[in-house]
Amino acid sequence: MRFLRASVRRAPTVLEARSGDELLARLPPGVERVTLPFPDRALRRALWERLVVRASPLSRIDLDALAGVEAPGAVIDAAVRAVVLARGDEQLETEHLLEAAVRLAG
């Protein structure tokens, strides 16, 4: 029996690209770039609240302090995930979330 090798075209992943410009350069022809607005303080607060409550409902954190970090939603999500992976999800602390967000926001 012969197996045919199919060439599957897929979009590059963030992990394969070293920078945002490199990721955009690897997109197939015809894919348009979409610029999303940067979340304001109120939206960042809502994102923090939603993600933290989902990850650790018992955590009591300072959402206003977290919303002060100017970061896109992807960074907020990554910070919550990083802290949960590093420390567990029983009780997240504002300090750890702030450190992760600042580090990831660069």
PDB file of N, CA and C in Angstrom:
ATOM      1  N   MET A   1       0.843  -1.172   0.000  1.00  0.00           N
ATOM      2  CA  MET A   1       0.000   0.000   0.000  1.00  0.00           C
ATOM      3  C   MET A   1       0.892   1.240   0.000  1.00  0.00           C
ATOM      4  N   ARG A   2       0.540   2.184  -0.820  1.00  0.00           N
ATOM      5  CA  ARG A   2       1.315   3.418  -0.907  1.00  0.00           C
ATOM      6  C   ARG A   2       0.619   4.534  -0.134  1.00  0.00           C
ATOM      7  N   PHE A   3       1.402   5.291   0.522  1.00  0.00           N
ATOM      8  CA  PHE A   3       0.866   6.440   1.234  1.00  0.00           C
ATOM      9  C   PHE A   3       1.258   7.703   0.473  1.00  0.00           C
ATOM     10  N   LEU A   4       0.308   8.530   0.255  1.00  0.00           N
ATOM     11  CA  LEU A   4       0.570   9.801  -0.400  1.00  0.00           C
ATOM     12  C   LEU A   4       0.770  10.871   0.657  1.00  0.00           C
ATOM     13  N   ARG A   5       1.745  11.641   0.451  1.00  0.00           N
ATOM     14  CA  ARG A   5       2.022  12.715   1.395  1.00  0.00           C
ATOM     15  C   ARG A   5       1.320  13.976   0.916  1.00  0.00           C
ATOM     16  N   ALA A   6       0.396  14.453   1.703  1.00  0.00           N
ATOM     17  CA  ALA A   6      -0.351  15.658   1.340  1.00  0.00           C
ATOM     18  C   ALA A   6       0.359  16.878   1.904  1.00  0.00           C
ATOM     19  N   SER A   7       0.414  17.881   1.103  1.00  0.00           N
ATOM     20  CA  SER A   7       1.001  19.132   1.556  1.00  0.00           C
ATOM     21  C   SER A   7      -0.115  19.989   2.143  1.00  0.00           C
ATOM     22  N   VAL A   8      -0.059  20.178   3.416  1.00  0.00           N
ATOM     23  CA  VAL A   8      -1.085  20.954   4.100  1.00  0.00           C
ATOM     24  C   VAL A   8      -0.506  22.320   4.419  1.00  0.00           C
ATOM     25  N   ARG A   9      -1.197  23.326   3.992  1.00  0.00           N
ATOM     26  CA  ARG A   9      -0.749  24.685   4.269  1.00  0.00           C
ATOM     27  C   ARG A   9      -1.434  25.174   5.536  1.00  0.00           C
ATOM     28  N   ARG A  10      -0.663  25.656   6.463  1.00  0.00           N
ATOM     29  CA  ARG A  10      -1.232  26.139   7.708  1.00  0.00           C
ATOM     30  C   ARG A  10      -0.619  27.482   8.054  1.00  0.00           C
ATOM     31  N   ALA A  11      -1.338  28.205   8.873  1.00  0.00           N
ATOM     32  CA  ALA A  11      -0.840  29.510   9.319  1.00  0.00           C
ATOM     33  C   ALA A  11       0.274  29.301  10.328  1.00  0.00           C
ATOM     34  N   PRO A  12       1.281  30.146  10.338  1.00  0.00           N
ATOM     35  CA  PRO A  12       2.351  30.023  11.324  1.00  0.00           C
ATOM     36  C   PRO A  12       1.828  30.305  12.727  1.00  0.00           C
ATOM     37  N   THR A  13       2.443  29.684  13.685  1.00  0.00           N
ATOM     38  CA  THR A  13       2.041  29.908  15.066  1.00  0.00           C
ATOM     39  C   THR A  13       2.947  30.948  15.703  1.00  0.00           C
ATOM     40  N   VAL A  14       2.493  31.481  16.799  1.00  0.00           N
ATOM     41  CA  VAL A  14       3.282  32.485  17.517  1.00  0.00           C
ATOM     42  C   VAL A  14       4.599  31.882  17.990  1.00  0.00           C
ATOM     43  N   LEU A  15       4.588  30.609  18.381  1.00  0.00           N
ATOM     44  CA  LEU A  15       5.803  29.975  18.889  1.00  0.00           C
ATOM     45  C   LEU A  15       6.857  29.808  17.805  1.00  0.00           C
ATOM     46  N   GLU A  16       6.436  29.721  16.544  1.00  0.00           N
ATOM     47  CA  GLU A  16       7.390  29.561  15.460  1.00  0.00           C
ATOM     48  C   GLU A  16       8.036  30.880  15.056  1.00  0.00           C
ATOM     49  N   ALA A  17       7.408  31.966  15.341  1.00  0.00           N
ATOM     50  CA  ALA A  17       7.915  33.276  14.944  1.00  0.00           C
ATOM     51  C   ALA A  17       8.664  33.908  16.108  1.00  0.00           C
ATOM     52  N   ARG A  18       9.713  34.612  15.780  1.00  0.00           N
ATOM     53  CA  ARG A  18      10.507  35.263  16.822  1.00  0.00           C
ATOM     54  C   ARG A  18      10.009  36.667  17.128  1.00  0.00           C
ATOM     55  N   SER A  19       9.254  37.241  16.220  1.00  0.00           N
ATOM     56  CA  SER A  19       8.722  38.584  16.445  1.00  0.00           C
ATOM     57  C   SER A  19       7.392  38.716  15.733  1.00  0.00           C
ATOM     58  N   GLY A  20       6.656  39.747  16.093  1.00  0.00           N
ATOM     59  CA  GLY A  20       5.390  40.004  15.439  1.00  0.00           C
ATOM     60  C   GLY A  20       5.567  40.283  13.956  1.00  0.00           C
ATOM     61  N   ASP A  21       6.647  40.984  13.603  1.00  0.00           N
ATOM     62  CA  ASP A  21       6.903  41.282  12.192  1.00  0.00           C
ATOM     63  C   ASP A  21       7.181  40.002  11.414  1.00  0.00           C
ATOM     64  N   GLU A  22       7.919  39.087  12.041  1.00  0.00           N
ATOM     65  CA  GLU A  22       8.210  37.813  11.378  1.00  0.00           C
ATOM     66  C   GLU A  22       6.935  36.998  11.189  1.00  0.00           C
ATOM     67  N   LEU A  23       6.073  37.030  12.182  1.00  0.00           N
ATOM     68  CA  LEU A  23       4.796  36.313  12.077  1.00  0.00           C
ATOM     69  C   LEU A  23       3.970  36.880  10.930  1.00  0.00           C
ATOM     70  N   LEU A  24       3.898  38.197  10.833  1.00  0.00           N
ATOM     71  CA  LEU A  24       3.132  38.826   9.754  1.00  0.00           C
ATOM     72  C   LEU A  24       3.737  38.517   8.388  1.00  0.00           C
ATOM     73  N   ALA A  25       5.057  38.448   8.322  1.00  0.00           N
ATOM     74  CA  ALA A  25       5.719  38.153   7.051  1.00  0.00           C
ATOM     75  C   ALA A  25       5.439  36.726   6.592  1.00  0.00           C
ATOM     76  N   ARG A  26       5.142  35.827   7.508  1.00  0.00           N
ATOM     77  CA  ARG A  26       4.909  34.422   7.174  1.00  0.00           C
ATOM     78  C   ARG A  26       3.449  34.124   6.809  1.00  0.00           C
ATOM     79  N   LEU A  27       2.575  35.098   6.946  1.00  0.00           N
ATOM     80  CA  LEU A  27       1.168  34.854   6.630  1.00  0.00           C
ATOM     81  C   LEU A  27       1.004  34.588   5.138  1.00  0.00           C
ATOM     82  N   PRO A  28       0.113  33.675   4.798  1.00  0.00           N
ATOM     83  CA  PRO A  28      -0.115  33.398   3.378  1.00  0.00           C
ATOM     84  C   PRO A  28      -0.658  34.624   2.655  1.00  0.00           C
ATOM     85  N   PRO A  29      -0.433  34.708   1.336  1.00  0.00           N
ATOM     86  CA  PRO A  29      -0.961  35.839   0.561  1.00  0.00           C
ATOM     87  C   PRO A  29      -2.479  35.920   0.692  1.00  0.00           C
ATOM     88  N   GLY A  30      -2.978  37.120   0.726  1.00  0.00           N
ATOM     89  CA  GLY A  30      -4.417  37.309   0.810  1.00  0.00           C
ATOM     90  C   GLY A  30      -4.941  37.461   2.231  1.00  0.00           C
ATOM     91  N   VAL A  31      -4.120  37.170   3.227  1.00  0.00           N
ATOM     92  CA  VAL A  31      -4.544  37.326   4.617  1.00  0.00           C
ATOM     93  C   VAL A  31      -4.303  38.774   5.010  1.00  0.00           C
ATOM     94  N   GLU A  32      -5.355  39.413   5.453  1.00  0.00           N
ATOM     95  CA  GLU A  32      -5.245  40.817   5.807  1.00  0.00           C
ATOM     96  C   GLU A  32      -4.885  40.991   7.273  1.00  0.00           C
ATOM     97  N   ARG A  33      -4.139  42.029   7.538  1.00  0.00           N
ATOM     98  CA  ARG A  33      -3.768  42.364   8.912  1.00  0.00           C
ATOM     99  C   ARG A  33      -4.903  43.157   9.542  1.00  0.00           C
ATOM    100  N   VAL A  34      -5.275  42.774  10.740  1.00  0.00           N
ATOM    101  CA  VAL A  34      -6.326  43.467  11.474  1.00  0.00           C
ATOM    102  C   VAL A  34      -5.703  44.050  12.729  1.00  0.00           C
ATOM    103  N   THR A  35      -5.891  45.324  12.925  1.00  0.00           N
ATOM    104  CA  THR A  35      -5.372  45.979  14.120  1.00  0.00           C
ATOM    105  C   THR A  35      -6.505  46.117  15.125  1.00  0.00           C
ATOM    106  N   LEU A  36      -6.317  45.506  16.271  1.00  0.00           N
ATOM    107  CA  LEU A  36      -7.321  45.585  17.324  1.00  0.00           C
ATOM    108  C   LEU A  36      -6.981  46.735  18.260  1.00  0.00           C
ATOM    109  N   PRO A  37      -7.978  47.423  18.761  1.00  0.00           N
ATOM    110  CA  PRO A  37      -7.685  48.527  19.683  1.00  0.00           C
ATOM    111  C   PRO A  37      -7.112  47.989  20.997  1.00  0.00           C
ATOM    112  N   PHE A  38      -6.215  48.765  21.575  1.00  0.00           N
ATOM    113  CA  PHE A  38      -5.628  48.403  22.862  1.00  0.00           C
ATOM    114  C   PHE A  38      -6.700  48.579  23.932  1.00  0.00           C
ATOM    115  N   PRO A  39      -6.864  47.610  24.834  1.00  0.00           N
ATOM    116  CA  PRO A  39      -7.934  47.731  25.840  1.00  0.00           C
ATOM    117  C   PRO A  39      -7.679  48.886  26.811  1.00  0.00           C
ATOM    118  N   ASP A  40      -8.734  49.630  27.111  1.00  0.00           N
ATOM    119  CA  ASP A  40      -8.603  50.697  28.097  1.00  0.00           C
ATOM    120  C   ASP A  40      -8.638  50.089  29.502  1.00  0.00           C
ATOM    121  N   ARG A  41      -8.480  50.941  30.500  1.00  0.00           N
ATOM    122  CA  ARG A  41      -8.390  50.474  31.888  1.00  0.00           C
ATOM    123  C   ARG A  41      -9.621  49.664  32.303  1.00  0.00           C
ATOM    124  N   ALA A  42     -10.811  50.112  31.931  1.00  0.00           N
ATOM    125  CA  ALA A  42     -12.041  49.408  32.312  1.00  0.00           C
ATOM    126  C   ALA A  42     -12.097  48.014  31.685  1.00  0.00           C
ATOM    127  N   LEU A  43     -11.694  47.908  30.421  1.00  0.00           N
ATOM    128  CA  LEU A  43     -11.704  46.604  29.761  1.00  0.00           C
ATOM    129  C   LEU A  43     -10.636  45.688  30.343  1.00  0.00           C
ATOM    130  N   ARG A  44      -9.456  46.248  30.651  1.00  0.00           N
ATOM    131  CA  ARG A  44      -8.409  45.426  31.277  1.00  0.00           C
ATOM    132  C   ARG A  44      -8.885  44.904  32.625  1.00  0.00           C
ATOM    133  N   ARG A  45      -9.572  45.730  33.394  1.00  0.00           N
ATOM    134  CA  ARG A  45     -10.106  45.284  34.691  1.00  0.00           C
ATOM    135  C   ARG A  45     -11.097  44.141  34.496  1.00  0.00           C
ATOM    136  N   ALA A  46     -11.970  44.282  33.502  1.00  0.00           N
ATOM    137  CA  ALA A  46     -12.953  43.217  33.222  1.00  0.00           C
ATOM    138  C   ALA A  46     -12.262  41.930  32.775  1.00  0.00           C
ATOM    139  N   LEU A  47     -11.206  42.057  31.966  1.00  0.00           N
ATOM    140  CA  LEU A  47     -10.458  40.874  31.531  1.00  0.00           C
ATOM    141  C   LEU A  47      -9.798  40.174  32.714  1.00  0.00           C
ATOM    142  N   TRP A  48      -9.135  40.953  33.568  1.00  0.00           N
ATOM    143  CA  TRP A  48      -8.510  40.367  34.759  1.00  0.00           C
ATOM    144  C   TRP A  48      -9.550  39.641  35.601  1.00  0.00           C
ATOM    145  N   GLU A  49     -10.658  40.305  35.842  1.00  0.00           N
ATOM    146  CA  GLU A  49     -11.699  39.713  36.680  1.00  0.00           C
ATOM    147  C   GLU A  49     -12.199  38.396  36.087  1.00  0.00           C
ATOM    148  N   ARG A  50     -12.514  38.418  34.816  1.00  0.00           N
ATOM    149  CA  ARG A  50     -13.044  37.210  34.168  1.00  0.00           C
ATOM    150  C   ARG A  50     -12.047  36.057  34.211  1.00  0.00           C
ATOM    151  N   LEU A  51     -10.783  36.349  33.875  1.00  0.00           N
ATOM    152  CA  LEU A  51      -9.780  35.284  33.814  1.00  0.00           C
ATOM    153  C   LEU A  51      -9.395  34.758  35.190  1.00  0.00           C
ATOM    154  N   VAL A  52      -9.275  35.637  36.164  1.00  0.00           N
ATOM    155  CA  VAL A  52      -8.914  35.193  37.514  1.00  0.00           C
ATOM    156  C   VAL A  52     -10.050  34.403  38.145  1.00  0.00           C
ATOM    157  N   VAL A  53     -11.271  34.881  37.998  1.00  0.00           N
ATOM    158  CA  VAL A  53     -12.416  34.162  38.580  1.00  0.00           C
ATOM    159  C   VAL A  53     -12.551  32.783  37.946  1.00  0.00           C
ATOM    160  N   ARG A  54     -12.310  32.700  36.648  1.00  0.00           N
ATOM    161  CA  ARG A  54     -12.385  31.406  35.976  1.00  0.00           C
ATOM    162  C   ARG A  54     -11.286  30.460  36.472  1.00  0.00           C
ATOM    163  N   ALA A  55     -10.081  30.987  36.676  1.00  0.00           N
ATOM    164  CA  ALA A  55      -8.948  30.154  37.090  1.00  0.00           C
ATOM    165  C   ALA A  55      -8.993  29.821  38.574  1.00  0.00           C
ATOM    166  N   SER A  56      -9.440  30.759  39.380  1.00  0.00           N
ATOM    167  CA  SER A  56      -9.402  30.576  40.830  1.00  0.00           C
ATOM    168  C   SER A  56     -10.505  31.404  41.484  1.00  0.00           C
ATOM    169  N   PRO A  57     -11.710  30.860  41.574  1.00  0.00           N
ATOM    170  CA  PRO A  57     -12.859  31.609  42.080  1.00  0.00           C
ATOM    171  C   PRO A  57     -12.698  32.145  43.502  1.00  0.00           C
ATOM    172  N   LEU A  58     -11.846  31.538  44.305  1.00  0.00           N
ATOM    173  CA  LEU A  58     -11.692  31.957  45.700  1.00  0.00           C
ATOM    174  C   LEU A  58     -10.668  33.073  45.891  1.00  0.00           C
ATOM    175  N   SER A  59      -9.952  33.417  44.839  1.00  0.00           N
ATOM    176  CA  SER A  59      -8.913  34.450  44.962  1.00  0.00           C
ATOM    177  C   SER A  59      -9.528  35.823  45.143  1.00  0.00           C
ATOM    178  N   ARG A  60      -8.918  36.602  46.022  1.00  0.00           N
ATOM    179  CA  ARG A  60      -9.300  37.997  46.227  1.00  0.00           C
ATOM    180  C   ARG A  60      -8.100  38.835  45.829  1.00  0.00           C
ATOM    181  N   ILE A  61      -8.242  39.505  44.706  1.00  0.00           N
ATOM    182  CA  ILE A  61      -7.125  40.282  44.189  1.00  0.00           C
ATOM    183  C   ILE A  61      -7.543  41.732  43.985  1.00  0.00           C
ATOM    184  N   ASP A  62      -6.550  42.592  43.848  1.00  0.00           N
ATOM    185  CA  ASP A  62      -6.789  44.016  43.608  1.00  0.00           C
ATOM    186  C   ASP A  62      -6.903  44.243  42.102  1.00  0.00           C
ATOM    187  N   LEU A  63      -8.122  44.201  41.601  1.00  0.00           N
ATOM    188  CA  LEU A  63      -8.351  44.338  40.164  1.00  0.00           C
ATOM    189  C   LEU A  63      -7.932  45.714  39.644  1.00  0.00           C
ATOM    190  N   ASP A  64      -8.080  46.746  40.473  1.00  0.00           N
ATOM    191  CA  ASP A  64      -7.697  48.093  40.043  1.00  0.00           C
ATOM    192  C   ASP A  64      -6.184  48.194  39.834  1.00  0.00           C
ATOM    193  N   ALA A  65      -5.420  47.555  40.708  1.00  0.00           N
ATOM    194  CA  ALA A  65      -3.960  47.557  40.549  1.00  0.00           C
ATOM    195  C   ALA A  65      -3.565  46.809  39.283  1.00  0.00           C
ATOM    196  N   LEU A  66      -4.197  45.675  39.033  1.00  0.00           N
ATOM    197  CA  LEU A  66      -3.891  44.894  37.840  1.00  0.00           C
ATOM    198  C   LEU A  66      -4.281  45.638  36.573  1.00  0.00           C
ATOM    199  N   ALA A  67      -5.414  46.338  36.605  1.00  0.00           N
ATOM    200  CA  ALA A  67      -5.879  47.088  35.436  1.00  0.00           C
ATOM    201  C   ALA A  67      -4.943  48.238  35.101  1.00  0.00           C
ATOM    202  N   GLY A  68      -4.126  48.659  36.056  1.00  0.00           N
ATOM    203  CA  GLY A  68      -3.164  49.734  35.827  1.00  0.00           C
ATOM    204  C   GLY A  68      -2.009  49.330  34.931  1.00  0.00           C
ATOM    205  N   VAL A  69      -1.796  48.028  34.757  1.00  0.00           N
ATOM    206  CA  VAL A  69      -0.733  47.560  33.868  1.00  0.00           C
ATOM    207  C   VAL A  69      -1.249  47.646  32.435  1.00  0.00           C
ATOM    208  N   GLU A  70      -0.604  48.459  31.627  1.00  0.00           N
ATOM    209  CA  GLU A  70      -1.040  48.613  30.242  1.00  0.00           C
ATOM    210  C   GLU A  70      -0.571  47.414  29.436  1.00  0.00           C
ATOM    211  N   ALA A  71      -1.500  46.490  29.240  1.00  0.00           N
ATOM    212  CA  ALA A  71      -1.183  45.242  28.542  1.00  0.00           C
ATOM    213  C   ALA A  71      -2.375  44.814  27.709  1.00  0.00           C
ATOM    214  N   PRO A  72      -2.110  44.192  26.573  1.00  0.00           N
ATOM    215  CA  PRO A  72      -3.216  43.661  25.775  1.00  0.00           C
ATOM    216  C   PRO A  72      -3.812  42.415  26.429  1.00  0.00           C
ATOM    217  N   GLY A  73      -4.972  42.019  25.951  1.00  0.00           N
ATOM    218  CA  GLY A  73      -5.665  40.868  26.525  1.00  0.00           C
ATOM    219  C   GLY A  73      -4.846  39.593  26.499  1.00  0.00           C
ATOM    220  N   ALA A  74      -4.055  39.391  25.456  1.00  0.00           N
ATOM    221  CA  ALA A  74      -3.239  38.177  25.362  1.00  0.00           C
ATOM    222  C   ALA A  74      -2.213  38.119  26.490  1.00  0.00           C
ATOM    223  N   VAL A  75      -1.655  39.258  26.861  1.00  0.00           N
ATOM    224  CA  VAL A  75      -0.684  39.301  27.960  1.00  0.00           C
ATOM    225  C   VAL A  75      -1.375  39.035  29.288  1.00  0.00           C
ATOM    226  N   ILE A  76      -2.563  39.574  29.467  1.00  0.00           N
ATOM    227  CA  ILE A  76      -3.322  39.338  30.695  1.00  0.00           C
ATOM    228  C   ILE A  76      -3.629  37.851  30.829  1.00  0.00           C
ATOM    229  N   ASP A  77      -4.081  37.242  29.750  1.00  0.00           N
ATOM    230  CA  ASP A  77      -4.370  35.807  29.747  1.00  0.00           C
ATOM    231  C   ASP A  77      -3.107  34.997  30.046  1.00  0.00           C
ATOM    232  N   ALA A  78      -2.007  35.346  29.398  1.00  0.00           N
ATOM    233  CA  ALA A  78      -0.747  34.630  29.607  1.00  0.00           C
ATOM    234  C   ALA A  78      -0.247  34.780  31.042  1.00  0.00           C
ATOM    235  N   ALA A  79      -0.432  35.963  31.634  1.00  0.00           N
ATOM    236  CA  ALA A  79       0.011  36.180  33.013  1.00  0.00           C
ATOM    237  C   ALA A  79      -0.774  35.303  33.981  1.00  0.00           C
ATOM    238  N   VAL A  80      -2.084  35.229  33.793  1.00  0.00           N
ATOM    239  CA  VAL A  80      -2.908  34.379  34.667  1.00  0.00           C
ATOM    240  C   VAL A  80      -2.488  32.921  34.511  1.00  0.00           C
ATOM    241  N   ARG A  81      -2.307  32.478  33.280  1.00  0.00           N
ATOM    242  CA  ARG A  81      -1.903  31.093  33.041  1.00  0.00           C
ATOM    243  C   ARG A  81      -0.537  30.792  33.656  1.00  0.00           C
ATOM    244  N   ALA A  82       0.399  31.727  33.517  1.00  0.00           N
ATOM    245  CA  ALA A  82       1.742  31.519  34.057  1.00  0.00           C
ATOM    246  C   ALA A  82       1.718  31.379  35.572  1.00  0.00           C
ATOM    247  N   VAL A  83       0.947  32.229  36.233  1.00  0.00           N
ATOM    248  CA  VAL A  83       0.872  32.168  37.696  1.00  0.00           C
ATOM    249  C   VAL A  83       0.175  30.886  38.146  1.00  0.00           C
ATOM    250  N   VAL A  84      -0.872  30.488  37.451  1.00  0.00           N
ATOM    251  CA  VAL A  84      -1.563  29.246  37.803  1.00  0.00           C
ATOM    252  C   VAL A  84      -0.617  28.057  37.635  1.00  0.00           C
ATOM    253  N   LEU A  85       0.146  28.037  36.546  1.00  0.00           N
ATOM    254  CA  LEU A  85       1.090  26.933  36.327  1.00  0.00           C
ATOM    255  C   LEU A  85       2.200  26.920  37.372  1.00  0.00           C
ATOM    256  N   ALA A  86       2.681  28.094  37.741  1.00  0.00           N
ATOM    257  CA  ALA A  86       3.793  28.184  38.686  1.00  0.00           C
ATOM    258  C   ALA A  86       3.372  27.965  40.136  1.00  0.00           C
ATOM    259  N   ARG A  87       2.184  28.427  40.498  1.00  0.00           N
ATOM    260  CA  ARG A  87       1.799  28.437  41.910  1.00  0.00           C
ATOM    261  C   ARG A  87       0.535  27.674  42.234  1.00  0.00           C
ATOM    262  N   GLY A  88      -0.162  27.176  41.226  1.00  0.00           N
ATOM    263  CA  GLY A  88      -1.423  26.492  41.481  1.00  0.00           C
ATOM    264  C   GLY A  88      -2.579  27.467  41.435  1.00  0.00           C
ATOM    265  N   ASP A  89      -3.783  26.931  41.484  1.00  0.00           N
ATOM    266  CA  ASP A  89      -4.955  27.790  41.300  1.00  0.00           C
ATOM    267  C   ASP A  89      -5.792  27.984  42.558  1.00  0.00           C
ATOM    268  N   GLU A  90      -5.291  27.544  43.709  1.00  0.00           N
ATOM    269  CA  GLU A  90      -6.104  27.669  44.917  1.00  0.00           C
ATOM    270  C   GLU A  90      -6.312  29.109  45.339  1.00  0.00           C
ATOM    271  N   GLN A  91      -5.265  29.893  45.368  1.00  0.00           N
ATOM    272  CA  GLN A  91      -5.362  31.287  45.810  1.00  0.00           C
ATOM    273  C   GLN A  91      -4.331  32.112  45.053  1.00  0.00           C
ATOM    274  N   LEU A  92      -4.766  32.815  44.030  1.00  0.00           N
ATOM    275  CA  LEU A  92      -3.861  33.677  43.284  1.00  0.00           C
ATOM    276  C   LEU A  92      -3.653  34.974  44.057  1.00  0.00           C
ATOM    277  N   GLU A  93      -2.464  35.538  43.938  1.00  0.00           N
ATOM    278  CA  GLU A  93      -2.148  36.774  44.651  1.00  0.00           C
ATOM    279  C   GLU A  93      -1.851  37.891  43.657  1.00  0.00           C
ATOM    280  N   THR A  94      -2.288  39.078  44.010  1.00  0.00           N
ATOM    281  CA  THR A  94      -2.106  40.246  43.150  1.00  0.00           C
ATOM    282  C   THR A  94      -0.638  40.450  42.799  1.00  0.00           C
ATOM    283  N   GLU A  95       0.231  40.329  43.785  1.00  0.00           N
ATOM    284  CA  GLU A  95       1.665  40.562  43.580  1.00  0.00           C
ATOM    285  C   GLU A  95       2.223  39.663  42.477  1.00  0.00           C
ATOM    286  N   HIS A  96       1.867  38.381  42.504  1.00  0.00           N
ATOM    287  CA  HIS A  96       2.387  37.447  41.509  1.00  0.00           C
ATOM    288  C   HIS A  96       1.823  37.750  40.123  1.00  0.00           C
ATOM    289  N   LEU A  97       0.557  38.106  40.065  1.00  0.00           N
ATOM    290  CA  LEU A  97      -0.072  38.451  38.782  1.00  0.00           C
ATOM    291  C   LEU A  97       0.554  39.721  38.214  1.00  0.00           C
ATOM    292  N   LEU A  98       0.815  40.713  39.062  1.00  0.00           N
ATOM    293  CA  LEU A  98       1.444  41.948  38.609  1.00  0.00           C
ATOM    294  C   LEU A  98       2.840  41.681  38.044  1.00  0.00           C
ATOM    295  N   GLU A  99       3.618  40.876  38.765  1.00  0.00           N
ATOM    296  CA  GLU A  99       4.972  40.546  38.309  1.00  0.00           C
ATOM    297  C   GLU A  99       4.930  39.864  36.943  1.00  0.00           C
ATOM    298  N   ALA A 100       4.037  38.909  36.791  1.00  0.00           N
ATOM    299  CA  ALA A 100       3.930  38.185  35.522  1.00  0.00           C
ATOM    300  C   ALA A 100       3.490  39.108  34.393  1.00  0.00           C
ATOM    301  N   ALA A 101       2.511  39.964  34.648  1.00  0.00           N
ATOM    302  CA  ALA A 101       2.009  40.867  33.607  1.00  0.00           C
ATOM    303  C   ALA A 101       3.078  41.863  33.168  1.00  0.00           C
ATOM    304  N   VAL A 102       3.791  42.439  34.108  1.00  0.00           N
ATOM    305  CA  VAL A 102       4.850  43.412  33.782  1.00  0.00           C
ATOM    306  C   VAL A 102       5.951  42.724  32.987  1.00  0.00           C
ATOM    307  N   ARG A 103       6.335  41.529  33.413  1.00  0.00           N
ATOM    308  CA  ARG A 103       7.392  40.787  32.705  1.00  0.00           C
ATOM    309  C   ARG A 103       6.966  40.463  31.278  1.00  0.00           C
ATOM    310  N   LEU A 104       5.718  39.993  31.109  1.00  0.00           N
ATOM    311  CA  LEU A 104       5.243  39.602  29.774  1.00  0.00           C
ATOM    312  C   LEU A 104       4.959  40.795  28.882  1.00  0.00           C
ATOM    313  N   ALA A 105       4.528  41.903  29.471  1.00  0.00           N
ATOM    314  CA  ALA A 105       4.227  43.105  28.676  1.00  0.00           C
ATOM    315  C   ALA A 105       5.499  43.741  28.146  1.00  0.00           C
ATOM    316  N   GLY A 106       6.617  43.429  28.822  1.00  0.00           N
ATOM    317  CA  GLY A 106       7.925  43.884  28.386  1.00  0.00           C
ATOM    318  C   GLY A 106       8.052  45.340  28.387  1.00  0.00           C
TER     319      GLY A 106
END
